[in-house]
Amino acid sequence: MEINTEKMTNNELRKAALLILKGCEMNMDLTSYGEVGVNEHNGNVYLWVEDYPFTLLIPYGERNTVYALWTNTENGDEIETPVHGKNLDRLLKWCTALDREHNVD
């Protein structure tokens, strides 16, 4: 996983650390291809790993709340849910249900 810290503020670095910690707490494999960064358009700090059907993020206006973001690969629609109290298995089931509901292959 790549982490490009060159343009991150201290607050964005703190959020990146929280996302990595949350991924570790959920037993995500963070050694796979992915990245931690800041979305230039909306300021969200994110952790994306290609092995998972969701992205972890902390929105620009939030301080500590981690969300999982599912993206419809066919039309780009996005749905997010707070991660608090959810484990990896529950998030994977959430993504599978969204794939079925939105007919994503």
Protein backbone atom coordinates (compact mmCIF):
# COMPACT_ATOMS: atom_id res chain seq x y z
CA MET A 1 0.00 0.00 0.00
CA GLU A 2 1.26 3.45 -0.89
CA ILE A 3 0.98 6.47 1.37
CA ASN A 4 1.83 9.82 -0.17
CA THR A 5 2.27 12.26 2.68
CA GLU A 6 3.96 15.07 0.74
CA LYS A 7 0.89 17.28 0.45
CA MET A 8 -0.99 16.15 3.57
CA THR A 9 -1.67 18.53 6.43
CA ASN A 10 -1.13 17.37 10.01
CA ASN A 11 -4.89 16.80 10.38
CA GLU A 12 -4.97 14.70 7.20
CA LEU A 13 -2.00 12.66 8.45
CA ARG A 14 -3.84 12.07 11.72
CA LYS A 15 -6.90 10.87 9.80
CA ALA A 16 -4.73 8.60 7.64
CA ALA A 17 -3.29 7.04 10.79
CA LEU A 18 -6.81 6.49 12.17
CA LEU A 19 -7.85 4.76 8.93
CA ILE A 20 -4.82 2.47 9.01
CA LEU A 21 -5.49 1.67 12.65
CA LYS A 22 -9.16 0.89 11.90
CA GLY A 23 -8.13 -1.37 9.01
CA CYS A 24 -5.73 -3.23 11.30
CA GLU A 25 -8.37 -3.54 14.02
CA MET A 26 -10.71 -5.14 11.46
CA ASN A 27 -7.94 -7.53 10.33
CA MET A 28 -7.83 -6.12 6.80
CA ASP A 29 -4.75 -7.15 4.83
CA LEU A 30 -3.15 -3.76 4.22
CA THR A 31 -0.09 -5.23 2.48
CA SER A 32 -1.95 -5.56 -0.84
CA TYR A 33 -2.02 -2.98 -3.62
CA GLY A 34 -3.76 0.17 -2.45
CA GLU A 35 -3.26 3.67 -1.20
CA VAL A 36 -3.95 6.16 1.54
CA GLY A 37 -4.54 9.68 0.34
CA VAL A 38 -6.68 12.78 0.19
CA ASN A 39 -9.37 13.24 -2.43
CA GLU A 40 -8.48 16.52 -4.13
CA HIS A 41 -12.12 17.28 -4.98
CA ASN A 42 -13.81 16.86 -1.60
CA GLY A 43 -10.99 16.69 0.97
CA ASN A 44 -11.91 13.21 2.23
CA VAL A 45 -9.01 11.16 3.57
CA TYR A 46 -9.30 7.58 2.33
CA LEU A 47 -7.77 4.12 2.58
CA TRP A 48 -8.37 1.99 -0.52
CA VAL A 49 -7.13 -1.60 -0.95
CA GLU A 50 -7.98 -3.40 -4.18
CA ASP A 51 -8.86 -6.65 -2.36
CA TYR A 52 -11.90 -5.09 -0.68
CA PRO A 53 -15.18 -3.87 -2.24
CA PHE A 54 -15.22 -0.74 -0.08
CA THR A 55 -13.01 2.20 0.78
CA LEU A 56 -12.52 3.45 4.32
CA LEU A 57 -12.72 7.23 4.64
CA ILE A 58 -13.03 10.12 7.02
CA PRO A 59 -14.94 12.98 5.37
CA TYR A 60 -13.50 16.48 5.22
CA GLY A 61 -15.84 17.91 7.86
CA GLU A 62 -15.52 14.98 10.28
CA ARG A 63 -12.85 14.59 12.91
CA ASN A 64 -12.75 10.88 13.78
CA THR A 65 -15.77 9.12 12.26
CA VAL A 66 -14.69 6.36 9.88
CA TYR A 67 -17.04 5.37 7.06
CA ALA A 68 -17.05 2.53 4.56
CA LEU A 69 -17.83 3.66 1.02
CA TRP A 70 -19.27 1.29 -1.57
CA THR A 71 -19.11 2.42 -5.19
CA ASN A 72 -21.30 1.03 -7.96
CA THR A 73 -18.75 0.00 -10.59
CA GLU A 74 -21.29 0.41 -13.39
CA ASN A 75 -22.59 3.94 -12.78
CA GLY A 76 -20.38 5.44 -10.06
CA ASP A 77 -23.15 5.82 -7.45
CA GLU A 78 -21.78 5.75 -3.91
CA ILE A 79 -23.26 4.65 -0.58
CA GLU A 80 -21.52 5.03 2.75
CA THR A 81 -22.08 3.68 6.23
CA PRO A 82 -20.37 4.44 9.54
CA VAL A 83 -17.91 1.67 10.46
CA HIS A 84 -18.35 1.98 14.25
CA GLY A 85 -19.42 -1.39 15.65
CA LYS A 86 -18.99 -3.22 12.35
CA ASN A 87 -16.38 -5.88 11.67
CA LEU A 88 -14.84 -6.85 8.33
CA ASP A 89 -17.29 -9.70 7.73
CA ARG A 90 -20.27 -7.42 8.27
CA LEU A 91 -18.89 -4.82 5.84
CA LEU A 92 -18.27 -7.50 3.21
CA LYS A 93 -21.87 -8.72 3.58
CA TRP A 94 -23.07 -5.12 3.30
CA CYS A 95 -21.18 -4.75 0.01
CA THR A 96 -22.51 -8.07 -1.32
CA ALA A 97 -26.08 -6.99 -0.54
CA LEU A 98 -25.52 -3.66 -2.31
CA ASP A 99 -24.04 -5.47 -5.34
CA ARG A 100 -27.18 -7.63 -5.55
CA GLU A 101 -29.56 -4.73 -4.97
CA HIS A 102 -27.92 -2.68 -7.71
CA ASN A 103 -27.29 -5.62 -10.08
CA VAL A 104 -23.54 -5.16 -10.11
CA ASP A 105 -21.54 -8.07 -11.56
